[in-house]
Amino acid sequence: MEQKDIDTFMQKIAQQRDEIVLKMHLAKAEVKDEWAVAEKKWEHLKTKTPVVAREGGESLKDVGAAVKLVGEELMNTYSRIKKIIER
């Protein structure tokens, strides 16, 4: 291998490395943002659901439907986050 070939090869490796570093950084930011939103939903769900159910402001059926909807959203969000982390 000539010096020129070695230089070209090293540049390709460096470029690939830089692209991976950037993608990892962007993935971290994406995960952090999505996690923050999910945590707010989780805290809201944890604290409000028992209160609403006890107060009887809504029927238990309505509360159950709302809990299921938000819970499914959270599960989908957690699955997306997990996939990003495991890439």
PDB file of N, CA and C in Angstrom:
ATOM      1  N   MET A   1       0.839  -1.184   0.000  1.00  0.00           N
ATOM      2  CA  MET A   1       0.000   0.000   0.000  1.00  0.00           C
ATOM      3  C   MET A   1       0.881   1.243   0.000  1.00  0.00           C
ATOM      4  N   GLU A   2       0.524   2.177  -0.821  1.00  0.00           N
ATOM      5  CA  GLU A   2       1.270   3.431  -0.880  1.00  0.00           C
ATOM      6  C   GLU A   2       0.737   4.393   0.179  1.00  0.00           C
ATOM      7  N   GLN A   3       1.522   5.411   0.452  1.00  0.00           N
ATOM      8  CA  GLN A   3       1.140   6.399   1.461  1.00  0.00           C
ATOM      9  C   GLN A   3      -0.203   7.048   1.118  1.00  0.00           C
ATOM     10  N   LYS A   4      -0.412   7.316  -0.162  1.00  0.00           N
ATOM     11  CA  LYS A   4      -1.666   7.927  -0.617  1.00  0.00           C
ATOM     12  C   LYS A   4      -2.855   7.012  -0.293  1.00  0.00           C
ATOM     13  N   ASP A   5      -2.679   5.717  -0.523  1.00  0.00           N
ATOM     14  CA  ASP A   5      -3.733   4.741  -0.245  1.00  0.00           C
ATOM     15  C   ASP A   5      -4.014   4.649   1.258  1.00  0.00           C
ATOM     16  N   ILE A   6      -2.958   4.685   2.023  1.00  0.00           N
ATOM     17  CA  ILE A   6      -3.104   4.635   3.482  1.00  0.00           C
ATOM     18  C   ILE A   6      -3.846   5.872   3.974  1.00  0.00           C
ATOM     19  N   ASP A   7      -3.476   7.029   3.445  1.00  0.00           N
ATOM     20  CA  ASP A   7      -4.146   8.276   3.832  1.00  0.00           C
ATOM     21  C   ASP A   7      -5.637   8.240   3.487  1.00  0.00           C
ATOM     22  N   THR A   8      -5.951   7.766   2.294  1.00  0.00           N
ATOM     23  CA  THR A   8      -7.349   7.664   1.861  1.00  0.00           C
ATOM     24  C   THR A   8      -8.114   6.694   2.763  1.00  0.00           C
ATOM     25  N   PHE A   9      -7.502   5.570   3.054  1.00  0.00           N
ATOM     26  CA  PHE A   9      -8.113   4.570   3.923  1.00  0.00           C
ATOM     27  C   PHE A   9      -8.384   5.148   5.313  1.00  0.00           C
ATOM     28  N   MET A  10      -7.404   5.845   5.861  1.00  0.00           N
ATOM     29  CA  MET A  10      -7.553   6.456   7.190  1.00  0.00           C
ATOM     30  C   MET A  10      -8.640   7.528   7.186  1.00  0.00           C
ATOM     31  N   GLN A  11      -8.744   8.277   6.097  1.00  0.00           N
ATOM     32  CA  GLN A  11      -9.790   9.300   5.988  1.00  0.00           C
ATOM     33  C   GLN A  11     -11.179   8.666   5.985  1.00  0.00           C
ATOM     34  N   LYS A  12     -11.322   7.545   5.297  1.00  0.00           N
ATOM     35  CA  LYS A  12     -12.608   6.844   5.265  1.00  0.00           C
ATOM     36  C   LYS A  12     -12.989   6.350   6.662  1.00  0.00           C
ATOM     37  N   ILE A  13     -12.019   5.803   7.363  1.00  0.00           N
ATOM     38  CA  ILE A  13     -12.277   5.328   8.725  1.00  0.00           C
ATOM     39  C   ILE A  13     -12.674   6.498   9.618  1.00  0.00           C
ATOM     40  N   ALA A  14     -11.941   7.594   9.524  1.00  0.00           N
ATOM     41  CA  ALA A  14     -12.238   8.775  10.340  1.00  0.00           C
ATOM     42  C   ALA A  14     -13.622   9.332  10.028  1.00  0.00           C
ATOM     43  N   GLN A  15     -13.983   9.352   8.756  1.00  0.00           N
ATOM     44  CA  GLN A  15     -15.299   9.861   8.361  1.00  0.00           C
ATOM     45  C   GLN A  15     -16.409   8.979   8.934  1.00  0.00           C
ATOM     46  N   GLN A  16     -16.234   7.672   8.827  1.00  0.00           N
ATOM     47  CA  GLN A  16     -17.239   6.755   9.356  1.00  0.00           C
ATOM     48  C   GLN A  16     -17.366   6.919  10.874  1.00  0.00           C
ATOM     49  N   ARG A  17     -16.239   7.063  11.535  1.00  0.00           N
ATOM     50  CA  ARG A  17     -16.238   7.260  12.978  1.00  0.00           C
ATOM     51  C   ARG A  17     -16.975   8.543  13.341  1.00  0.00           C
ATOM     52  N   ASP A  18     -16.690   9.624  12.632  1.00  0.00           N
ATOM     53  CA  ASP A  18     -17.340  10.908  12.900  1.00  0.00           C
ATOM     54  C   ASP A  18     -18.852  10.825  12.699  1.00  0.00           C
ATOM     55  N   GLU A  19     -19.270  10.108  11.664  1.00  0.00           N
ATOM     56  CA  GLU A  19     -20.704   9.942  11.413  1.00  0.00           C
ATOM     57  C   GLU A  19     -21.371   9.182  12.555  1.00  0.00           C
ATOM     58  N   ILE A  20     -20.706   8.151  13.049  1.00  0.00           N
ATOM     59  CA  ILE A  20     -21.251   7.368  14.158  1.00  0.00           C
ATOM     60  C   ILE A  20     -21.334   8.210  15.423  1.00  0.00           C
ATOM     61  N   VAL A  21     -20.297   8.972  15.699  1.00  0.00           N
ATOM     62  CA  VAL A  21     -20.301   9.840  16.883  1.00  0.00           C
ATOM     63  C   VAL A  21     -21.466  10.823  16.813  1.00  0.00           C
ATOM     64  N   LEU A  22     -21.685  11.412  15.660  1.00  0.00           N
ATOM     65  CA  LEU A  22     -22.786  12.356  15.485  1.00  0.00           C
ATOM     66  C   LEU A  22     -24.135  11.670  15.690  1.00  0.00           C
ATOM     67  N   LYS A  23     -24.309  10.497  15.093  1.00  0.00           N
ATOM     68  CA  LYS A  23     -25.572   9.766  15.241  1.00  0.00           C
ATOM     69  C   LYS A  23     -25.820   9.384  16.697  1.00  0.00           C
ATOM     70  N   MET A  24     -24.769   8.996  17.408  1.00  0.00           N
ATOM     71  CA  MET A  24     -24.924   8.654  18.823  1.00  0.00           C
ATOM     72  C   MET A  24     -25.343   9.881  19.620  1.00  0.00           C
ATOM     73  N   HIS A  25     -24.744  11.007  19.322  1.00  0.00           N
ATOM     74  CA  HIS A  25     -25.086  12.248  20.019  1.00  0.00           C
ATOM     75  C   HIS A  25     -26.542  12.625  19.757  1.00  0.00           C
ATOM     76  N   LEU A  26     -26.962  12.539  18.506  1.00  0.00           N
ATOM     77  CA  LEU A  26     -28.343  12.869  18.149  1.00  0.00           C
ATOM     78  C   LEU A  26     -29.321  11.892  18.787  1.00  0.00           C
ATOM     79  N   ALA A  27     -28.955  10.623  18.834  1.00  0.00           N
ATOM     80  CA  ALA A  27     -29.821   9.620  19.459  1.00  0.00           C
ATOM     81  C   ALA A  27     -29.982   9.914  20.941  1.00  0.00           C
ATOM     82  N   LYS A  28     -28.895  10.315  21.600  1.00  0.00           N
ATOM     83  CA  LYS A  28     -28.978  10.652  23.023  1.00  0.00           C
ATOM     84  C   LYS A  28     -29.931  11.817  23.240  1.00  0.00           C
ATOM     85  N   ALA A  29     -29.831  12.827  22.413  1.00  0.00           N
ATOM     86  CA  ALA A  29     -30.705  13.993  22.543  1.00  0.00           C
ATOM     87  C   ALA A  29     -32.153  13.596  22.294  1.00  0.00           C
ATOM     88  N   GLU A  30     -32.368  12.774  21.282  1.00  0.00           N
ATOM     89  CA  GLU A  30     -33.724  12.311  20.961  1.00  0.00           C
ATOM     90  C   GLU A  30     -34.304  11.522  22.132  1.00  0.00           C
ATOM     91  N   VAL A  31     -33.505  10.633  22.696  1.00  0.00           N
ATOM     92  CA  VAL A  31     -33.965   9.820  23.817  1.00  0.00           C
ATOM     93  C   VAL A  31     -34.267  10.698  25.027  1.00  0.00           C
ATOM     94  N   LYS A  32     -33.405  11.649  25.315  1.00  0.00           N
ATOM     95  CA  LYS A  32     -33.628  12.523  26.469  1.00  0.00           C
ATOM     96  C   LYS A  32     -34.928  13.300  26.334  1.00  0.00           C
ATOM     97  N   ASP A  33     -35.182  13.852  25.159  1.00  0.00           N
ATOM     98  CA  ASP A  33     -36.414  14.610  24.939  1.00  0.00           C
ATOM     99  C   ASP A  33     -37.637  13.718  25.080  1.00  0.00           C
ATOM    100  N   GLU A  34     -37.584  12.563  24.454  1.00  0.00           N
ATOM    101  CA  GLU A  34     -38.725  11.653  24.499  1.00  0.00           C
ATOM    102  C   GLU A  34     -38.937  11.125  25.917  1.00  0.00           C
ATOM    103  N   TRP A  35     -37.846  10.871  26.628  1.00  0.00           N
ATOM    104  CA  TRP A  35     -37.938  10.390  28.006  1.00  0.00           C
ATOM    105  C   TRP A  35     -38.581  11.448  28.902  1.00  0.00           C
ATOM    106  N   ALA A  36     -38.214  12.693  28.728  1.00  0.00           N
ATOM    107  CA  ALA A  36     -38.778  13.775  29.543  1.00  0.00           C
ATOM    108  C   ALA A  36     -40.291  13.862  29.358  1.00  0.00           C
ATOM    109  N   VAL A  37     -40.751  13.749  28.135  1.00  0.00           N
ATOM    110  CA  VAL A  37     -42.195  13.779  27.861  1.00  0.00           C
ATOM    111  C   VAL A  37     -42.869  12.565  28.498  1.00  0.00           C
ATOM    112  N   ALA A  38     -42.259  11.406  28.349  1.00  0.00           N
ATOM    113  CA  ALA A  38     -42.828  10.181  28.918  1.00  0.00           C
ATOM    114  C   ALA A  38     -42.893  10.260  30.438  1.00  0.00           C
ATOM    115  N   GLU A  39     -41.870  10.809  31.055  1.00  0.00           N
ATOM    116  CA  GLU A  39     -41.858  10.923  32.513  1.00  0.00           C
ATOM    117  C   GLU A  39     -42.985  11.821  33.017  1.00  0.00           C
ATOM    118  N   LYS A  40     -43.253  12.906  32.305  1.00  0.00           N
ATOM    119  CA  LYS A  40     -44.358  13.792  32.687  1.00  0.00           C
ATOM    120  C   LYS A  40     -45.687  13.049  32.602  1.00  0.00           C
ATOM    121  N   LYS A  41     -45.868  12.294  31.526  1.00  0.00           N
ATOM    122  CA  LYS A  41     -47.101  11.515  31.376  1.00  0.00           C
ATOM    123  C   LYS A  41     -47.218  10.472  32.482  1.00  0.00           C
ATOM    124  N   TRP A  42     -46.103   9.811  32.790  1.00  0.00           N
ATOM    125  CA  TRP A  42     -46.100   8.776  33.816  1.00  0.00           C
ATOM    126  C   TRP A  42     -46.461   9.371  35.179  1.00  0.00           C
ATOM    127  N   GLU A  43     -45.839  10.469  35.536  1.00  0.00           N
ATOM    128  CA  GLU A  43     -46.131  11.111  36.823  1.00  0.00           C
ATOM    129  C   GLU A  43     -47.583  11.556  36.891  1.00  0.00           C
ATOM    130  N   HIS A  44     -48.079  12.121  35.814  1.00  0.00           N
ATOM    131  CA  HIS A  44     -49.481  12.552  35.764  1.00  0.00           C
ATOM    132  C   HIS A  44     -50.406  11.340  35.936  1.00  0.00           C
ATOM    133  N   LEU A  45     -50.110  10.286  35.224  1.00  0.00           N
ATOM    134  CA  LEU A  45     -50.918   9.073  35.296  1.00  0.00           C
ATOM    135  C   LEU A  45     -50.896   8.483  36.704  1.00  0.00           C
ATOM    136  N   LYS A  46     -49.716   8.420  37.296  1.00  0.00           N
ATOM    137  CA  LYS A  46     -49.570   7.842  38.640  1.00  0.00           C
ATOM    138  C   LYS A  46     -50.317   8.640  39.699  1.00  0.00           C
ATOM    139  N   THR A  47     -50.260   9.954  39.600  1.00  0.00           N
ATOM    140  CA  THR A  47     -50.840  10.780  40.655  1.00  0.00           C
ATOM    141  C   THR A  47     -52.311  11.095  40.446  1.00  0.00           C
ATOM    142  N   LYS A  48     -52.732  11.280  39.229  1.00  0.00           N
ATOM    143  CA  LYS A  48     -54.114  11.709  38.972  1.00  0.00           C
ATOM    144  C   LYS A  48     -55.109  10.563  38.915  1.00  0.00           C
ATOM    145  N   THR A  49     -54.703   9.421  38.431  1.00  0.00           N
ATOM    146  CA  THR A  49     -55.647   8.319  38.244  1.00  0.00           C
ATOM    147  C   THR A  49     -56.320   7.892  39.547  1.00  0.00           C
ATOM    148  N   PRO A  50     -55.579   7.643  40.622  1.00  0.00           N
ATOM    149  CA  PRO A  50     -56.254   7.231  41.859  1.00  0.00           C
ATOM    150  C   PRO A  50     -57.180   8.315  42.420  1.00  0.00           C
ATOM    151  N   VAL A  51     -56.782   9.567  42.298  1.00  0.00           N
ATOM    152  CA  VAL A  51     -57.582  10.676  42.817  1.00  0.00           C
ATOM    153  C   VAL A  51     -58.904  10.773  42.069  1.00  0.00           C
ATOM    154  N   VAL A  52     -58.842  10.743  40.765  1.00  0.00           N
ATOM    155  CA  VAL A  52     -60.057  10.842  39.946  1.00  0.00           C
ATOM    156  C   VAL A  52     -60.973   9.659  40.225  1.00  0.00           C
ATOM    157  N   ALA A  53     -60.400   8.482  40.336  1.00  0.00           N
ATOM    158  CA  ALA A  53     -61.207   7.288  40.589  1.00  0.00           C
ATOM    159  C   ALA A  53     -61.885   7.367  41.956  1.00  0.00           C
ATOM    160  N   ARG A  54     -61.183   7.860  42.974  1.00  0.00           N
ATOM    161  CA  ARG A  54     -61.758   7.972  44.325  1.00  0.00           C
ATOM    162  C   ARG A  54     -62.838   9.027  44.396  1.00  0.00           C
ATOM    163  N   GLU A  55     -62.608  10.151  43.738  1.00  0.00           N
ATOM    164  CA  GLU A  55     -63.560  11.253  43.815  1.00  0.00           C
ATOM    165  C   GLU A  55     -64.831  10.962  43.034  1.00  0.00           C
ATOM    166  N   GLY A  56     -64.763  10.052  42.116  1.00  0.00           N
ATOM    167  CA  GLY A  56     -65.945   9.679  41.359  1.00  0.00           C
ATOM    168  C   GLY A  56     -66.399  10.740  40.378  1.00  0.00           C
ATOM    169  N   GLY A  57     -65.527  11.681  40.045  1.00  0.00           N
ATOM    170  CA  GLY A  57     -65.869  12.720  39.082  1.00  0.00           C
ATOM    171  C   GLY A  57     -66.143  12.143  37.706  1.00  0.00           C
ATOM    172  N   GLU A  58     -65.517  11.062  37.432  1.00  0.00           N
ATOM    173  CA  GLU A  58     -65.745  10.364  36.175  1.00  0.00           C
ATOM    174  C   GLU A  58     -66.075   8.923  36.536  1.00  0.00           C
ATOM    175  N   SER A  59     -66.774   8.281  35.673  1.00  0.00           N
ATOM    176  CA  SER A  59     -67.068   6.880  35.956  1.00  0.00           C
ATOM    177  C   SER A  59     -65.776   6.080  35.901  1.00  0.00           C
ATOM    178  N   LEU A  60     -65.752   5.001  36.625  1.00  0.00           N
ATOM    179  CA  LEU A  60     -64.569   4.151  36.649  1.00  0.00           C
ATOM    180  C   LEU A  60     -64.248   3.628  35.246  1.00  0.00           C
ATOM    181  N   LYS A  61     -65.276   3.447  34.444  1.00  0.00           N
ATOM    182  CA  LYS A  61     -65.076   2.988  33.064  1.00  0.00           C
ATOM    183  C   LYS A  61     -64.299   4.033  32.264  1.00  0.00           C
ATOM    184  N   ASP A  62     -64.666   5.318  32.430  1.00  0.00           N
ATOM    185  CA  ASP A  62     -63.963   6.392  31.724  1.00  0.00           C
ATOM    186  C   ASP A  62     -62.513   6.494  32.182  1.00  0.00           C
ATOM    187  N   VAL A  63     -62.310   6.370  33.493  1.00  0.00           N
ATOM    188  CA  VAL A  63     -60.951   6.423  34.039  1.00  0.00           C
ATOM    189  C   VAL A  63     -60.136   5.262  33.479  1.00  0.00           C
ATOM    190  N   GLY A  64     -60.734   4.089  33.449  1.00  0.00           N
ATOM    191  CA  GLY A  64     -60.039   2.914  32.916  1.00  0.00           C
ATOM    192  C   GLY A  64     -59.649   3.093  31.459  1.00  0.00           C
ATOM    193  N   ALA A  65     -60.542   3.678  30.667  1.00  0.00           N
ATOM    194  CA  ALA A  65     -60.246   3.911  29.251  1.00  0.00           C
ATOM    195  C   ALA A  65     -59.109   4.914  29.094  1.00  0.00           C
ATOM    196  N   ALA A  66     -59.132   5.968  29.913  1.00  0.00           N
ATOM    197  CA  ALA A  66     -58.070   6.984  29.849  1.00  0.00           C
ATOM    198  C   ALA A  66     -56.734   6.392  30.278  1.00  0.00           C
ATOM    199  N   VAL A  67     -56.760   5.599  31.351  1.00  0.00           N
ATOM    200  CA  VAL A  67     -55.536   4.955  31.831  1.00  0.00           C
ATOM    201  C   VAL A  67     -54.972   4.037  30.746  1.00  0.00           C
ATOM    202  N   LYS A  68     -55.845   3.290  30.109  1.00  0.00           N
ATOM    203  CA  LYS A  68     -55.390   2.379  29.058  1.00  0.00           C
ATOM    204  C   LYS A  68     -54.767   3.151  27.899  1.00  0.00           C
ATOM    205  N   LEU A  69     -55.402   4.239  27.489  1.00  0.00           N
ATOM    206  CA  LEU A  69     -54.894   5.032  26.370  1.00  0.00           C
ATOM    207  C   LEU A  69     -53.514   5.611  26.676  1.00  0.00           C
ATOM    208  N   VAL A  70     -53.388   6.265  27.816  1.00  0.00           N
ATOM    209  CA  VAL A  70     -52.099   6.863  28.187  1.00  0.00           C
ATOM    210  C   VAL A  70     -51.066   5.769  28.430  1.00  0.00           C
ATOM    211  N   GLY A  71     -51.485   4.682  29.052  1.00  0.00           N
ATOM    212  CA  GLY A  71     -50.571   3.566  29.293  1.00  0.00           C
ATOM    213  C   GLY A  71     -50.026   2.978  28.005  1.00  0.00           C
ATOM    214  N   GLU A  72     -50.890   2.839  27.004  1.00  0.00           N
ATOM    215  CA  GLU A  72     -50.432   2.323  25.711  1.00  0.00           C
ATOM    216  C   GLU A  72     -49.473   3.299  25.036  1.00  0.00           C
ATOM    217  N   GLU A  73     -49.745   4.599  25.163  1.00  0.00           N
ATOM    218  CA  GLU A  73     -48.822   5.607  24.621  1.00  0.00           C
ATOM    219  C   GLU A  73     -47.457   5.480  25.288  1.00  0.00           C
ATOM    220  N   LEU A  74     -47.468   5.316  26.610  1.00  0.00           N
ATOM    221  CA  LEU A  74     -46.204   5.176  27.341  1.00  0.00           C
ATOM    222  C   LEU A  74     -45.456   3.914  26.918  1.00  0.00           C
ATOM    223  N   MET A  75     -46.167   2.818  26.781  1.00  0.00           N
ATOM    224  CA  MET A  75     -45.514   1.574  26.369  1.00  0.00           C
ATOM    225  C   MET A  75     -44.885   1.724  24.983  1.00  0.00           C
ATOM    226  N   ASN A  76     -45.577   2.387  24.075  1.00  0.00           N
ATOM    227  CA  ASN A  76     -45.018   2.627  22.737  1.00  0.00           C
ATOM    228  C   ASN A  76     -43.785   3.521  22.812  1.00  0.00           C
ATOM    229  N   THR A  77     -43.865   4.555  23.638  1.00  0.00           N
ATOM    230  CA  THR A  77     -42.720   5.451  23.811  1.00  0.00           C
ATOM    231  C   THR A  77     -41.537   4.698  24.397  1.00  0.00           C
ATOM    232  N   TYR A  78     -41.780   3.888  25.423  1.00  0.00           N
ATOM    233  CA  TYR A  78     -40.707   3.112  26.037  1.00  0.00           C
ATOM    234  C   TYR A  78     -40.090   2.139  25.029  1.00  0.00           C
ATOM    235  N   SER A  79     -40.909   1.556  24.179  1.00  0.00           N
ATOM    236  CA  SER A  79     -40.384   0.645  23.151  1.00  0.00           C
ATOM    237  C   SER A  79     -39.478   1.385  22.172  1.00  0.00           C
ATOM    238  N   ARG A  80     -39.906   2.590  21.753  1.00  0.00           N
ATOM    239  CA  ARG A  80     -39.070   3.390  20.837  1.00  0.00           C
ATOM    240  C   ARG A  80     -37.741   3.748  21.499  1.00  0.00           C
ATOM    241  N   ILE A  81     -37.801   4.170  22.747  1.00  0.00           N
ATOM    242  CA  ILE A  81     -36.579   4.540  23.467  1.00  0.00           C
ATOM    243  C   ILE A  81     -35.654   3.335  23.579  1.00  0.00           C
ATOM    244  N   LYS A  82     -36.223   2.206  23.914  1.00  0.00           N
ATOM    245  CA  LYS A  82     -35.413   0.994  24.057  1.00  0.00           C
ATOM    246  C   LYS A  82     -34.728   0.635  22.741  1.00  0.00           C
ATOM    247  N   LYS A  83     -35.450   0.754  21.628  1.00  0.00           N
ATOM    248  CA  LYS A  83     -34.857   0.454  20.318  1.00  0.00           C
ATOM    249  C   LYS A  83     -33.708   1.405  20.002  1.00  0.00           C
ATOM    250  N   ILE A  84     -33.883   2.679  20.333  1.00  0.00           N
ATOM    251  CA  ILE A  84     -32.821   3.663  20.085  1.00  0.00           C
ATOM    252  C   ILE A  84     -31.596   3.326  20.917  1.00  0.00           C
ATOM    253  N   ILE A  85     -31.813   2.987  22.168  1.00  0.00           N
ATOM    254  CA  ILE A  85     -30.703   2.678  23.071  1.00  0.00           C
ATOM    255  C   ILE A  85     -29.965   1.421  22.617  1.00  0.00           C
ATOM    256  N   GLU A  86     -30.708   0.452  22.116  1.00  0.00           N
ATOM    257  CA  GLU A  86     -30.106  -0.834  21.752  1.00  0.00           C
ATOM    258  C   GLU A  86     -29.486  -0.854  20.364  1.00  0.00           C
ATOM    259  N   ARG A  87     -29.594   0.230  19.622  1.00  0.00           N
ATOM    260  CA  ARG A  87     -29.002   0.266  18.272  1.00  0.00           C
ATOM    261  C   ARG A  87     -27.525   0.047  18.320  1.00  0.00           C
TER     262      ARG A  87
END
